Amino acid sequence: MSQNDLQKTIRYNLPPDQIEKNISDTIDFWAAAYFKFEVTSSKATIKNQERVIDSFKKIMITEVGDLQRVKWTPRLTSGFIDHLRKEVKEKDGIEQRRWSDNTIHTKIAHLKTFAKWIHKHKPFPLG
């Protein structure tokens, strides 16, 4: 049975209210489902996406205290982008930005794709 068939079986054999009761509405839950059912990229890309989502989760815990999906707001995403831009590393005694603009753009593209996938299945309260 393919993953798609399994998704349909679960979706069509359980009443919607029972599905809702059994789903943890956290970013961890959605990330696990995203990588299990949606992502078909290379292993290296998947590892990169996982690192980006893990970084975002750390910022989310710092800023809002937990990983509840409903607490993911546009302001939180902006804060994550600011964090990436301000993160520095030291090389030969000189502090410099850790991530280039292109790298930040790639990381945000991964996060945006993940957020759109979640929003498609269960819309965010603030869009």
PDB file of N, CA and C in Angstrom:
ATOM      1  N   MET A   1       0.854  -1.170   0.000  1.00  0.00           N
ATOM      2  CA  MET A   1       0.000   0.000   0.000  1.00  0.00           C
ATOM      3  C   MET A   1       0.902   1.235   0.000  1.00  0.00           C
ATOM      4  N   SER A   2       0.662   2.140  -0.922  1.00  0.00           N
ATOM      5  CA  SER A   2       1.467   3.356  -1.002  1.00  0.00           C
ATOM      6  C   SER A   2       1.097   4.318   0.124  1.00  0.00           C
ATOM      7  N   GLN A   3       1.954   5.303   0.337  1.00  0.00           N
ATOM      8  CA  GLN A   3       1.670   6.302   1.374  1.00  0.00           C
ATOM      9  C   GLN A   3       0.397   7.069   1.043  1.00  0.00           C
ATOM     10  N   ASN A   4       0.180   7.347  -0.233  1.00  0.00           N
ATOM     11  CA  ASN A   4      -1.020   8.073  -0.643  1.00  0.00           C
ATOM     12  C   ASN A   4      -2.272   7.257  -0.336  1.00  0.00           C
ATOM     13  N   ASP A   5      -2.224   5.948  -0.615  1.00  0.00           N
ATOM     14  CA  ASP A   5      -3.363   5.082  -0.294  1.00  0.00           C
ATOM     15  C   ASP A   5      -3.615   5.045   1.207  1.00  0.00           C
ATOM     16  N   LEU A   6      -2.524   5.010   1.978  1.00  0.00           N
ATOM     17  CA  LEU A   6      -2.653   5.002   3.431  1.00  0.00           C
ATOM     18  C   LEU A   6      -3.306   6.292   3.928  1.00  0.00           C
ATOM     19  N   GLN A   7      -2.904   7.426   3.356  1.00  0.00           N
ATOM     20  CA  GLN A   7      -3.515   8.701   3.732  1.00  0.00           C
ATOM     21  C   GLN A   7      -5.011   8.689   3.451  1.00  0.00           C
ATOM     22  N   LYS A   8      -5.383   8.202   2.265  1.00  0.00           N
ATOM     23  CA  LYS A   8      -6.800   8.173   1.898  1.00  0.00           C
ATOM     24  C   LYS A   8      -7.578   7.227   2.810  1.00  0.00           C
ATOM     25  N   THR A   9      -6.971   6.081   3.128  1.00  0.00           N
ATOM     26  CA  THR A   9      -7.637   5.113   4.002  1.00  0.00           C
ATOM     27  C   THR A   9      -7.928   5.728   5.360  1.00  0.00           C
ATOM     28  N   ILE A  10      -6.926   6.372   5.938  1.00  0.00           N
ATOM     29  CA  ILE A  10      -7.126   7.009   7.241  1.00  0.00           C
ATOM     30  C   ILE A  10      -8.166   8.115   7.135  1.00  0.00           C
ATOM     31  N   ARG A  11      -8.051   8.939   6.097  1.00  0.00           N
ATOM     32  CA  ARG A  11      -8.942  10.085   5.939  1.00  0.00           C
ATOM     33  C   ARG A  11     -10.396   9.643   5.760  1.00  0.00           C
ATOM     34  N   TYR A  12     -10.627   8.599   4.988  1.00  0.00           N
ATOM     35  CA  TYR A  12     -11.992   8.212   4.662  1.00  0.00           C
ATOM     36  C   TYR A  12     -12.613   7.223   5.649  1.00  0.00           C
ATOM     37  N   ASN A  13     -11.815   6.599   6.498  1.00  0.00           N
ATOM     38  CA  ASN A  13     -12.347   5.610   7.426  1.00  0.00           C
ATOM     39  C   ASN A  13     -12.546   6.126   8.842  1.00  0.00           C
ATOM     40  N   LEU A  14     -12.056   7.301   9.137  1.00  0.00           N
ATOM     41  CA  LEU A  14     -12.275   7.892  10.450  1.00  0.00           C
ATOM     42  C   LEU A  14     -13.134   9.140  10.300  1.00  0.00           C
ATOM     43  N   PRO A  15     -14.100   9.319  11.170  1.00  0.00           N
ATOM     44  CA  PRO A  15     -14.884  10.551  11.119  1.00  0.00           C
ATOM     45  C   PRO A  15     -13.985  11.755  11.383  1.00  0.00           C
ATOM     46  N   PRO A  16     -14.252  12.900  10.735  1.00  0.00           N
ATOM     47  CA  PRO A  16     -13.395  14.080  10.880  1.00  0.00           C
ATOM     48  C   PRO A  16     -13.169  14.506  12.321  1.00  0.00           C
ATOM     49  N   ASP A  17     -14.214  14.422  13.162  1.00  0.00           N
ATOM     50  CA  ASP A  17     -14.024  14.849  14.545  1.00  0.00           C
ATOM     51  C   ASP A  17     -13.062  13.923  15.293  1.00  0.00           C
ATOM     52  N   GLN A  18     -13.022  12.643  14.907  1.00  0.00           N
ATOM     53  CA  GLN A  18     -12.101  11.711  15.550  1.00  0.00           C
ATOM     54  C   GLN A  18     -10.675  11.954  15.068  1.00  0.00           C
ATOM     55  N   ILE A  19     -10.520  12.308  13.810  1.00  0.00           N
ATOM     56  CA  ILE A  19      -9.195  12.640  13.300  1.00  0.00           C
ATOM     57  C   ILE A  19      -8.657  13.837  14.072  1.00  0.00           C
ATOM     58  N   GLU A  20      -9.491  14.861  14.256  1.00  0.00           N
ATOM     59  CA  GLU A  20      -9.080  16.062  14.979  1.00  0.00           C
ATOM     60  C   GLU A  20      -8.625  15.731  16.399  1.00  0.00           C
ATOM     61  N   LYS A  21      -9.327  14.832  17.079  1.00  0.00           N
ATOM     62  CA  LYS A  21      -8.981  14.487  18.456  1.00  0.00           C
ATOM     63  C   LYS A  21      -7.638  13.779  18.537  1.00  0.00           C
ATOM     64  N   ASN A  22      -7.288  13.027  17.505  1.00  0.00           N
ATOM     65  CA  ASN A  22      -6.074  12.221  17.538  1.00  0.00           C
ATOM     66  C   ASN A  22      -4.844  12.941  16.986  1.00  0.00           C
ATOM     67  N   ILE A  23      -5.015  14.162  16.517  1.00  0.00           N
ATOM     68  CA  ILE A  23      -3.901  14.892  15.922  1.00  0.00           C
ATOM     69  C   ILE A  23      -3.352  15.903  16.919  1.00  0.00           C
ATOM     70  N   SER A  24      -2.061  15.827  17.139  1.00  0.00           N
ATOM     71  CA  SER A  24      -1.371  16.820  17.956  1.00  0.00           C
ATOM     72  C   SER A  24      -1.113  18.026  17.061  1.00  0.00           C
ATOM     73  N   ASP A  25      -1.557  19.176  17.461  1.00  0.00           N
ATOM     74  CA  ASP A  25      -1.445  20.364  16.614  1.00  0.00           C
ATOM     75  C   ASP A  25      -0.171  21.145  16.940  1.00  0.00           C
ATOM     76  N   THR A  26       0.957  20.446  16.854  1.00  0.00           N
ATOM     77  CA  THR A  26       2.242  21.087  17.111  1.00  0.00           C
ATOM     78  C   THR A  26       3.082  21.088  15.839  1.00  0.00           C
ATOM     79  N   ILE A  27       4.071  21.946  15.824  1.00  0.00           N
ATOM     80  CA  ILE A  27       4.982  22.001  14.684  1.00  0.00           C
ATOM     81  C   ILE A  27       5.737  20.674  14.554  1.00  0.00           C
ATOM     82  N   ASP A  28       6.056  20.037  15.677  1.00  0.00           N
ATOM     83  CA  ASP A  28       6.718  18.722  15.621  1.00  0.00           C
ATOM     84  C   ASP A  28       5.865  17.704  14.869  1.00  0.00           C
ATOM     85  N   PHE A  29       4.572  17.646  15.201  1.00  0.00           N
ATOM     86  CA  PHE A  29       3.665  16.716  14.525  1.00  0.00           C
ATOM     87  C   PHE A  29       3.611  17.010  13.029  1.00  0.00           C
ATOM     88  N   TRP A  30       3.427  18.285  12.682  1.00  0.00           N
ATOM     89  CA  TRP A  30       3.306  18.656  11.277  1.00  0.00           C
ATOM     90  C   TRP A  30       4.610  18.410  10.520  1.00  0.00           C
ATOM     91  N   ALA A  31       5.750  18.644  11.167  1.00  0.00           N
ATOM     92  CA  ALA A  31       7.037  18.390  10.509  1.00  0.00           C
ATOM     93  C   ALA A  31       7.208  16.897  10.222  1.00  0.00           C
ATOM     94  N   ALA A  32       6.855  16.062  11.188  1.00  0.00           N
ATOM     95  CA  ALA A  32       6.962  14.612  10.978  1.00  0.00           C
ATOM     96  C   ALA A  32       6.066  14.168   9.822  1.00  0.00           C
ATOM     97  N   ALA A  33       4.842  14.676   9.777  1.00  0.00           N
ATOM     98  CA  ALA A  33       3.919  14.320   8.692  1.00  0.00           C
ATOM     99  C   ALA A  33       4.430  14.845   7.351  1.00  0.00           C
ATOM    100  N   TYR A  34       4.964  16.052   7.353  1.00  0.00           N
ATOM    101  CA  TYR A  34       5.488  16.673   6.132  1.00  0.00           C
ATOM    102  C   TYR A  34       6.607  15.823   5.533  1.00  0.00           C
ATOM    103  N   PHE A  35       7.547  15.412   6.368  1.00  0.00           N
ATOM    104  CA  PHE A  35       8.664  14.617   5.852  1.00  0.00           C
ATOM    105  C   PHE A  35       8.245  13.195   5.499  1.00  0.00           C
ATOM    106  N   LYS A  36       7.229  12.687   6.146  1.00  0.00           N
ATOM    107  CA  LYS A  36       6.775  11.324   5.860  1.00  0.00           C
ATOM    108  C   LYS A  36       5.943  11.254   4.581  1.00  0.00           C
ATOM    109  N   PHE A  37       5.063  12.226   4.381  1.00  0.00           N
ATOM    110  CA  PHE A  37       4.103  12.125   3.285  1.00  0.00           C
ATOM    111  C   PHE A  37       4.346  13.065   2.109  1.00  0.00           C
ATOM    112  N   GLU A  38       5.050  14.153   2.310  1.00  0.00           N
ATOM    113  CA  GLU A  38       5.119  15.176   1.271  1.00  0.00           C
ATOM    114  C   GLU A  38       6.483  15.291   0.598  1.00  0.00           C
ATOM    115  N   VAL A  39       7.544  15.287   1.346  1.00  0.00           N
ATOM    116  CA  VAL A  39       8.876  15.587   0.824  1.00  0.00           C
ATOM    117  C   VAL A  39       9.411  14.420   0.004  1.00  0.00           C
ATOM    118  N   THR A  40       9.847  14.745  -1.209  1.00  0.00           N
ATOM    119  CA  THR A  40      10.411  13.727  -2.096  1.00  0.00           C
ATOM    120  C   THR A  40      11.781  14.165  -2.613  1.00  0.00           C
ATOM    121  N   SER A  41      12.439  15.048  -1.905  1.00  0.00           N
ATOM    122  CA  SER A  41      13.734  15.591  -2.315  1.00  0.00           C
ATOM    123  C   SER A  41      14.858  14.596  -2.035  1.00  0.00           C
ATOM    124  N   SER A  42      16.058  14.992  -2.431  1.00  0.00           N
ATOM    125  CA  SER A  42      17.232  14.159  -2.143  1.00  0.00           C
ATOM    126  C   SER A  42      17.506  14.156  -0.642  1.00  0.00           C
ATOM    127  N   LYS A  43      18.297  13.187  -0.203  1.00  0.00           N
ATOM    128  CA  LYS A  43      18.609  13.076   1.229  1.00  0.00           C
ATOM    129  C   LYS A  43      19.292  14.337   1.750  1.00  0.00           C
ATOM    130  N   ALA A  44      20.184  14.912   0.954  1.00  0.00           N
ATOM    131  CA  ALA A  44      20.891  16.125   1.383  1.00  0.00           C
ATOM    132  C   ALA A  44      19.914  17.290   1.557  1.00  0.00           C
ATOM    133  N   THR A  45      18.983  17.425   0.633  1.00  0.00           N
ATOM    134  CA  THR A  45      17.994  18.499   0.729  1.00  0.00           C
ATOM    135  C   THR A  45      17.079  18.284   1.924  1.00  0.00           C
ATOM    136  N   ILE A  46      16.692  17.048   2.160  1.00  0.00           N
ATOM    137  CA  ILE A  46      15.837  16.746   3.315  1.00  0.00           C
ATOM    138  C   ILE A  46      16.558  17.108   4.609  1.00  0.00           C
ATOM    139  N   LYS A  47      17.840  16.764   4.715  1.00  0.00           N
ATOM    140  CA  LYS A  47      18.614  17.118   5.912  1.00  0.00           C
ATOM    141  C   LYS A  47      18.657  18.635   6.090  1.00  0.00           C
ATOM    142  N   ASN A  48      18.841  19.349   4.987  1.00  0.00           N
ATOM    143  CA  ASN A  48      18.870  20.809   5.042  1.00  0.00           C
ATOM    144  C   ASN A  48      17.517  21.357   5.507  1.00  0.00           C
ATOM    145  N   GLN A  49      16.426  20.824   4.953  1.00  0.00           N
ATOM    146  CA  GLN A  49      15.088  21.256   5.361  1.00  0.00           C
ATOM    147  C   GLN A  49      14.857  20.971   6.844  1.00  0.00           C
ATOM    148  N   GLU A  50      15.292  19.813   7.307  1.00  0.00           N
ATOM    149  CA  GLU A  50      15.134  19.470   8.725  1.00  0.00           C
ATOM    150  C   GLU A  50      15.895  20.446   9.612  1.00  0.00           C
ATOM    151  N   ARG A  51      17.113  20.822   9.194  1.00  0.00           N
ATOM    152  CA  ARG A  51      17.896  21.786   9.976  1.00  0.00           C
ATOM    153  C   ARG A  51      17.197  23.140  10.046  1.00  0.00           C
ATOM    154  N   VAL A  52      16.634  23.576   8.930  1.00  0.00           N
ATOM    155  CA  VAL A  52      15.930  24.862   8.906  1.00  0.00           C
ATOM    156  C   VAL A  52      14.728  24.822   9.841  1.00  0.00           C
ATOM    157  N   ILE A  53      13.927  23.774   9.747  1.00  0.00           N
ATOM    158  CA  ILE A  53      12.732  23.667  10.592  1.00  0.00           C
ATOM    159  C   ILE A  53      13.130  23.544  12.059  1.00  0.00           C
ATOM    160  N   ASP A  54      14.199  22.804  12.350  1.00  0.00           N
ATOM    161  CA  ASP A  54      14.677  22.708  13.735  1.00  0.00           C
ATOM    162  C   ASP A  54      15.129  24.073  14.260  1.00  0.00           C
ATOM    163  N   SER A  55      15.821  24.846  13.420  1.00  0.00           N
ATOM    164  CA  SER A  55      16.235  26.199  13.823  1.00  0.00           C
ATOM    165  C   SER A  55      15.022  27.069  14.110  1.00  0.00           C
ATOM    166  N   PHE A  56      14.025  26.970  13.253  1.00  0.00           N
ATOM    167  CA  PHE A  56      12.806  27.752  13.462  1.00  0.00           C
ATOM    168  C   PHE A  56      12.117  27.334  14.759  1.00  0.00           C
ATOM    169  N   LYS A  57      12.074  26.034  15.018  1.00  0.00           N
ATOM    170  CA  LYS A  57      11.429  25.549  16.247  1.00  0.00           C
ATOM    171  C   LYS A  57      12.137  26.089  17.488  1.00  0.00           C
ATOM    172  N   LYS A  58      13.467  26.173  17.454  1.00  0.00           N
ATOM    173  CA  LYS A  58      14.203  26.730  18.594  1.00  0.00           C
ATOM    174  C   LYS A  58      13.820  28.188  18.826  1.00  0.00           C
ATOM    175  N   ILE A  59      13.728  28.949  17.746  1.00  0.00           N
ATOM    176  CA  ILE A  59      13.321  30.358  17.866  1.00  0.00           C
ATOM    177  C   ILE A  59      11.893  30.436  18.384  1.00  0.00           C
ATOM    178  N   MET A  60      11.028  29.571  17.892  1.00  0.00           N
ATOM    179  CA  MET A  60       9.626  29.585  18.322  1.00  0.00           C
ATOM    180  C   MET A  60       9.509  29.291  19.817  1.00  0.00           C
ATOM    181  N   ILE A  61      10.256  28.313  20.292  1.00  0.00           N
ATOM    182  CA  ILE A  61      10.222  27.993  21.725  1.00  0.00           C
ATOM    183  C   ILE A  61      10.735  29.178  22.538  1.00  0.00           C
ATOM    184  N   THR A  62      11.800  29.814  22.058  1.00  0.00           N
ATOM    185  CA  THR A  62      12.348  30.973  22.761  1.00  0.00           C
ATOM    186  C   THR A  62      11.339  32.121  22.806  1.00  0.00           C
ATOM    187  N   GLU A  63      10.672  32.370  21.682  1.00  0.00           N
ATOM    188  CA  GLU A  63       9.783  33.528  21.581  1.00  0.00           C
ATOM    189  C   GLU A  63       8.407  33.308  22.205  1.00  0.00           C
ATOM    190  N   VAL A  64       7.792  32.142  21.964  1.00  0.00           N
ATOM    191  CA  VAL A  64       6.409  31.939  22.434  1.00  0.00           C
ATOM    192  C   VAL A  64       6.276  30.845  23.485  1.00  0.00           C
ATOM    193  N   GLY A  65       7.333  30.080  23.725  1.00  0.00           N
ATOM    194  CA  GLY A  65       7.308  29.111  24.811  1.00  0.00           C
ATOM    195  C   GLY A  65       6.876  27.701  24.460  1.00  0.00           C
ATOM    196  N   ASP A  66       6.298  27.488  23.290  1.00  0.00           N
ATOM    197  CA  ASP A  66       5.922  26.135  22.875  1.00  0.00           C
ATOM    198  C   ASP A  66       5.841  26.069  21.359  1.00  0.00           C
ATOM    199  N   LEU A  67       5.424  24.910  20.855  1.00  0.00           N
ATOM    200  CA  LEU A  67       5.390  24.686  19.407  1.00  0.00           C
ATOM    201  C   LEU A  67       3.970  24.521  18.873  1.00  0.00           C
ATOM    202  N   GLN A  68       2.988  25.122  19.496  1.00  0.00           N
ATOM    203  CA  GLN A  68       1.615  25.026  19.014  1.00  0.00           C
ATOM    204  C   GLN A  68       1.486  25.735  17.664  1.00  0.00           C
ATOM    205  N   ARG A  69       0.898  25.057  16.704  1.00  0.00           N
ATOM    206  CA  ARG A  69       0.760  25.591  15.347  1.00  0.00           C
ATOM    207  C   ARG A  69       0.071  26.947  15.331  1.00  0.00           C
ATOM    208  N   VAL A  70      -0.942  27.117  16.168  1.00  0.00           N
ATOM    209  CA  VAL A  70      -1.716  28.367  16.151  1.00  0.00           C
ATOM    210  C   VAL A  70      -0.889  29.572  16.591  1.00  0.00           C
ATOM    211  N   LYS A  71       0.255  29.335  17.201  1.00  0.00           N
ATOM    212  CA  LYS A  71       1.108  30.441  17.648  1.00  0.00           C
ATOM    213  C   LYS A  71       2.147  30.852  16.608  1.00  0.00           C
ATOM    214  N   TRP A  72       2.161  30.169  15.464  1.00  0.00           N
ATOM    215  CA  TRP A  72       3.072  30.542  14.384  1.00  0.00           C
ATOM    216  C   TRP A  72       2.439  31.710  13.647  1.00  0.00           C
ATOM    217  N   THR A  73       3.036  32.869  13.769  1.00  0.00           N
ATOM    218  CA  THR A  73       2.497  34.086  13.167  1.00  0.00           C
ATOM    219  C   THR A  73       3.494  34.654  12.161  1.00  0.00           C
ATOM    220  N   PRO A  74       3.027  35.554  11.287  1.00  0.00           N
ATOM    221  CA  PRO A  74       3.958  36.231  10.377  1.00  0.00           C
ATOM    222  C   PRO A  74       5.066  36.977  11.139  1.00  0.00           C
ATOM    223  N   ARG A  75       4.723  37.526  12.297  1.00  0.00           N
ATOM    224  CA  ARG A  75       5.727  38.234  13.098  1.00  0.00           C
ATOM    225  C   ARG A  75       6.825  37.272  13.565  1.00  0.00           C
ATOM    226  N   LEU A  76       6.456  36.058  13.915  1.00  0.00           N
ATOM    227  CA  LEU A  76       7.438  35.063  14.346  1.00  0.00           C
ATOM    228  C   LEU A  76       8.373  34.698  13.192  1.00  0.00           C
ATOM    229  N   THR A  77       7.822  34.569  12.002  1.00  0.00           N
ATOM    230  CA  THR A  77       8.647  34.277  10.828  1.00  0.00           C
ATOM    231  C   THR A  77       9.608  35.427  10.555  1.00  0.00           C
ATOM    232  N   SER A  78       9.124  36.655  10.676  1.00  0.00           N
ATOM    233  CA  SER A  78       9.997  37.826  10.497  1.00  0.00           C
ATOM    234  C   SER A  78      11.116  37.834  11.531  1.00  0.00           C
ATOM    235  N   GLY A  79      10.785  37.464  12.755  1.00  0.00           N
ATOM    236  CA  GLY A  79      11.802  37.371  13.799  1.00  0.00           C
ATOM    237  C   GLY A  79      12.858  36.326  13.474  1.00  0.00           C
ATOM    238  N   PHE A  80      12.433  35.225  12.881  1.00  0.00           N
ATOM    239  CA  PHE A  80      13.368  34.177  12.477  1.00  0.00           C
ATOM    240  C   PHE A  80      14.306  34.697  11.388  1.00  0.00           C
ATOM    241  N   ILE A  81      13.759  35.422  10.426  1.00  0.00           N
ATOM    242  CA  ILE A  81      14.584  35.998   9.356  1.00  0.00           C
ATOM    243  C   ILE A  81      15.596  36.978   9.953  1.00  0.00           C
ATOM    244  N   ASP A  82      15.139  37.829  10.861  1.00  0.00           N
ATOM    245  CA  ASP A  82      16.052  38.773  11.526  1.00  0.00           C
ATOM    246  C   ASP A  82      17.156  38.035  12.274  1.00  0.00           C
ATOM    247  N   HIS A  83      16.782  36.954  12.944  1.00  0.00           N
ATOM    248  CA  HIS A  83      17.772  36.149  13.669  1.00  0.00           C
ATOM    249  C   HIS A  83      18.834  35.615  12.704  1.00  0.00           C
ATOM    250  N   LEU A  84      18.412  35.107  11.557  1.00  0.00           N
ATOM    251  CA  LEU A  84      19.371  34.587  10.579  1.00  0.00           C
ATOM    252  C   LEU A  84      20.298  35.693  10.082  1.00  0.00           C
ATOM    253  N   ARG A  85      19.747  36.878   9.857  1.00  0.00           N
ATOM    254  CA  ARG A  85      20.554  37.999   9.358  1.00  0.00           C
ATOM    255  C   ARG A  85      21.547  38.505  10.398  1.00  0.00           C
ATOM    256  N   LYS A  86      21.183  38.423  11.670  1.00  0.00           N
ATOM    257  CA  LYS A  86      22.036  38.969  12.731  1.00  0.00           C
ATOM    258  C   LYS A  86      23.016  37.953  13.305  1.00  0.00           C
ATOM    259  N   GLU A  87      22.841  36.677  12.974  1.00  0.00           N
ATOM    260  CA  GLU A  87      23.732  35.649  13.510  1.00  0.00           C
ATOM    261  C   GLU A  87      25.138  35.854  12.945  1.00  0.00           C
ATOM    262  N   VAL A  88      26.124  35.859  13.829  1.00  0.00           N
ATOM    263  CA  VAL A  88      27.501  36.110  13.402  1.00  0.00           C
ATOM    264  C   VAL A  88      28.396  34.941  13.793  1.00  0.00           C
ATOM    265  N   LYS A  89      29.515  34.859  13.113  1.00  0.00           N
ATOM    266  CA  LYS A  89      30.557  33.888  13.459  1.00  0.00           C
ATOM    267  C   LYS A  89      31.885  34.639  13.453  1.00  0.00           C
ATOM    268  N   GLU A  90      32.835  34.093  14.143  1.00  0.00           N
ATOM    269  CA  GLU A  90      34.141  34.732  14.201  1.00  0.00           C
ATOM    270  C   GLU A  90      35.121  33.929  13.366  1.00  0.00           C
ATOM    271  N   LYS A  91      35.824  34.632  12.491  1.00  0.00           N
ATOM    272  CA  LYS A  91      36.823  33.987  11.646  1.00  0.00           C
ATOM    273  C   LYS A  91      38.074  34.858  11.665  1.00  0.00           C
ATOM    274  N   ASP A  92      39.168  34.289  12.105  1.00  0.00           N
ATOM    275  CA  ASP A  92      40.438  35.020  12.218  1.00  0.00           C
ATOM    276  C   ASP A  92      40.288  36.281  13.061  1.00  0.00           C
ATOM    277  N   GLY A  93      39.522  36.189  14.133  1.00  0.00           N
ATOM    278  CA  GLY A  93      39.344  37.325  15.033  1.00  0.00           C
ATOM    279  C   GLY A  93      38.379  38.385  14.543  1.00  0.00           C
ATOM    280  N   ILE A  94      37.736  38.144  13.412  1.00  0.00           N
ATOM    281  CA  ILE A  94      36.801  39.123  12.843  1.00  0.00           C
ATOM    282  C   ILE A  94      35.405  38.520  12.846  1.00  0.00           C
ATOM    283  N   GLU A  95      34.450  39.291  13.372  1.00  0.00           N
ATOM    284  CA  GLU A  95      33.058  38.830  13.341  1.00  0.00           C
ATOM    285  C   GLU A  95      32.459  39.141  11.977  1.00  0.00           C
ATOM    286  N   GLN A  96      31.758  38.169  11.433  1.00  0.00           N
ATOM    287  CA  GLN A  96      31.060  38.374  10.163  1.00  0.00           C
ATOM    288  C   GLN A  96      29.750  37.615  10.183  1.00  0.00           C
ATOM    289  N   ARG A  97      28.858  38.010   9.303  1.00  0.00           N
ATOM    290  CA  ARG A  97      27.560  37.329   9.238  1.00  0.00           C
ATOM    291  C   ARG A  97      27.770  35.858   8.947  1.00  0.00           C
ATOM    292  N   ARG A  98      26.971  35.041   9.627  1.00  0.00           N
ATOM    293  CA  ARG A  98      27.105  33.598   9.429  1.00  0.00           C
ATOM    294  C   ARG A  98      26.489  33.158   8.107  1.00  0.00           C
ATOM    295  N   TRP A  99      25.368  33.763   7.729  1.00  0.00           N
ATOM    296  CA  TRP A  99      24.638  33.327   6.538  1.00  0.00           C
ATOM    297  C   TRP A  99      24.613  34.436   5.491  1.00  0.00           C
ATOM    298  N   SER A 100      24.867  34.066   4.245  1.00  0.00           N
ATOM    299  CA  SER A 100      24.750  35.031   3.147  1.00  0.00           C
ATOM    300  C   SER A 100      23.274  35.247   2.826  1.00  0.00           C
ATOM    301  N   ASP A 101      22.994  36.287   2.071  1.00  0.00           N
ATOM    302  CA  ASP A 101      21.608  36.553   1.676  1.00  0.00           C
ATOM    303  C   ASP A 101      21.027  35.390   0.878  1.00  0.00           C
ATOM    304  N   ASN A 102      21.834  34.782   0.011  1.00  0.00           N
ATOM    305  CA  ASN A 102      21.341  33.644  -0.780  1.00  0.00           C
ATOM    306  C   ASN A 102      20.994  32.448   0.107  1.00  0.00           C
ATOM    307  N   THR A 103      21.818  32.193   1.110  1.00  0.00           N
ATOM    308  CA  THR A 103      21.549  31.087   2.030  1.00  0.00           C
ATOM    309  C   THR A 103      20.282  31.358   2.830  1.00  0.00           C
ATOM    310  N   ILE A 104      20.137  32.592   3.306  1.00  0.00           N
ATOM    311  CA  ILE A 104      18.928  32.963   4.048  1.00  0.00           C
ATOM    312  C   ILE A 104      17.704  32.795   3.160  1.00  0.00           C
ATOM    313  N   HIS A 105      17.811  33.211   1.910  1.00  0.00           N
ATOM    314  CA  HIS A 105      16.694  33.072   0.969  1.00  0.00           C
ATOM    315  C   HIS A 105      16.309  31.598   0.801  1.00  0.00           C
ATOM    316  N   THR A 106      17.295  30.722   0.689  1.00  0.00           N
ATOM    317  CA  THR A 106      17.027  29.285   0.553  1.00  0.00           C
ATOM    318  C   THR A 106      16.354  28.735   1.804  1.00  0.00           C
ATOM    319  N   LYS A 107      16.849  29.125   2.968  1.00  0.00           N
ATOM    320  CA  LYS A 107      16.256  28.661   4.224  1.00  0.00           C
ATOM    321  C   LYS A 107      14.800  29.115   4.331  1.00  0.00           C
ATOM    322  N   ILE A 108      14.536  30.357   3.977  1.00  0.00           N
ATOM    323  CA  ILE A 108      13.172  30.878   4.056  1.00  0.00           C
ATOM    324  C   ILE A 108      12.276  30.178   3.033  1.00  0.00           C
ATOM    325  N   ALA A 109      12.822  29.838   1.871  1.00  0.00           N
ATOM    326  CA  ALA A 109      12.033  29.104   0.873  1.00  0.00           C
ATOM    327  C   ALA A 109      11.602  27.747   1.428  1.00  0.00           C
ATOM    328  N   HIS A 110      12.509  27.063   2.134  1.00  0.00           N
ATOM    329  CA  HIS A 110      12.148  25.780   2.754  1.00  0.00           C
ATOM    330  C   HIS A 110      11.052  25.979   3.799  1.00  0.00           C
ATOM    331  N   LEU A 111      11.208  26.999   4.634  1.00  0.00           N
ATOM    332  CA  LEU A 111      10.228  27.252   5.690  1.00  0.00           C
ATOM    333  C   LEU A 111       8.877  27.654   5.096  1.00  0.00           C
ATOM    334  N   LYS A 112       8.914  28.452   4.040  1.00  0.00           N
ATOM    335  CA  LYS A 112       7.672  28.898   3.391  1.00  0.00           C
ATOM    336  C   LYS A 112       6.929  27.715   2.767  1.00  0.00           C
ATOM    337  N   THR A 113       7.650  26.812   2.133  1.00  0.00           N
ATOM    338  CA  THR A 113       7.026  25.625   1.544  1.00  0.00           C
ATOM    339  C   THR A 113       6.363  24.780   2.626  1.00  0.00           C
ATOM    340  N   PHE A 114       7.054  24.615   3.742  1.00  0.00           N
ATOM    341  CA  PHE A 114       6.511  23.864   4.878  1.00  0.00           C
ATOM    342  C   PHE A 114       5.251  24.548   5.418  1.00  0.00           C
ATOM    343  N   ALA A 115       5.312  25.858   5.589  1.00  0.00           N
ATOM    344  CA  ALA A 115       4.161  26.606   6.119  1.00  0.00           C
ATOM    345  C   ALA A 115       2.961  26.528   5.173  1.00  0.00           C
ATOM    346  N   LYS A 116       3.204  26.631   3.878  1.00  0.00           N
ATOM    347  CA  LYS A 116       2.103  26.527   2.905  1.00  0.00           C
ATOM    348  C   LYS A 116       1.461  25.148   2.962  1.00  0.00           C
ATOM    349  N   TRP A 117       2.268  24.120   3.136  1.00  0.00           N
ATOM    350  CA  TRP A 117       1.733  22.762   3.217  1.00  0.00           C
ATOM    351  C   TRP A 117       0.848  22.617   4.451  1.00  0.00           C
ATOM    352  N   ILE A 118       1.314  23.123   5.586  1.00  0.00           N
ATOM    353  CA  ILE A 118       0.487  23.080   6.798  1.00  0.00           C
ATOM    354  C   ILE A 118      -0.805  23.851   6.567  1.00  0.00           C
ATOM    355  N   HIS A 119      -0.690  25.062   6.029  1.00  0.00           N
ATOM    356  CA  HIS A 119      -1.855  25.933   5.827  1.00  0.00           C
ATOM    357  C   HIS A 119      -2.888  25.282   4.898  1.00  0.00           C
ATOM    358  N   LYS A 120      -2.406  24.513   3.930  1.00  0.00           N
ATOM    359  CA  LYS A 120      -3.310  23.813   3.012  1.00  0.00           C
ATOM    360  C   LYS A 120      -4.159  22.791   3.765  1.00  0.00           C
ATOM    361  N   HIS A 121      -3.570  22.127   4.747  1.00  0.00           N
ATOM    362  CA  HIS A 121      -4.274  21.083   5.494  1.00  0.00           C
ATOM    363  C   HIS A 121      -5.051  21.619   6.689  1.00  0.00           C
ATOM    364  N   LYS A 122      -4.506  22.629   7.319  1.00  0.00           N
ATOM    365  CA  LYS A 122      -5.170  23.219   8.490  1.00  0.00           C
ATOM    366  C   LYS A 122      -4.729  24.682   8.568  1.00  0.00           C
ATOM    367  N   PRO A 123      -5.556  25.587   8.054  1.00  0.00           N
ATOM    368  CA  PRO A 123      -5.159  26.995   7.940  1.00  0.00           C
ATOM    369  C   PRO A 123      -4.731  27.622   9.272  1.00  0.00           C
ATOM    370  N   PHE A 124      -3.728  28.480   9.174  1.00  0.00           N
ATOM    371  CA  PHE A 124      -3.283  29.250  10.332  1.00  0.00           C
ATOM    372  C   PHE A 124      -4.332  30.310  10.651  1.00  0.00           C
ATOM    373  N   PRO A 125      -4.553  30.607  11.924  1.00  0.00           N
ATOM    374  CA  PRO A 125      -5.564  31.605  12.291  1.00  0.00           C
ATOM    375  C   PRO A 125      -5.293  32.985  11.690  1.00  0.00           C
ATOM    376  N   LEU A 126      -4.014  33.368  11.590  1.00  0.00           N
ATOM    377  CA  LEU A 126      -3.677  34.696  11.073  1.00  0.00           C
ATOM    378  C   LEU A 126      -3.219  34.668   9.621  1.00  0.00           C
ATOM    379  N   GLY A 127      -3.413  33.554   8.961  1.00  0.00           N
ATOM    380  CA  GLY A 127      -3.053  33.443   7.552  1.00  0.00           C
ATOM    381  C   GLY A 127      -1.638  33.047   7.307  1.00  0.00           C
TER     382      GLY A 127
END
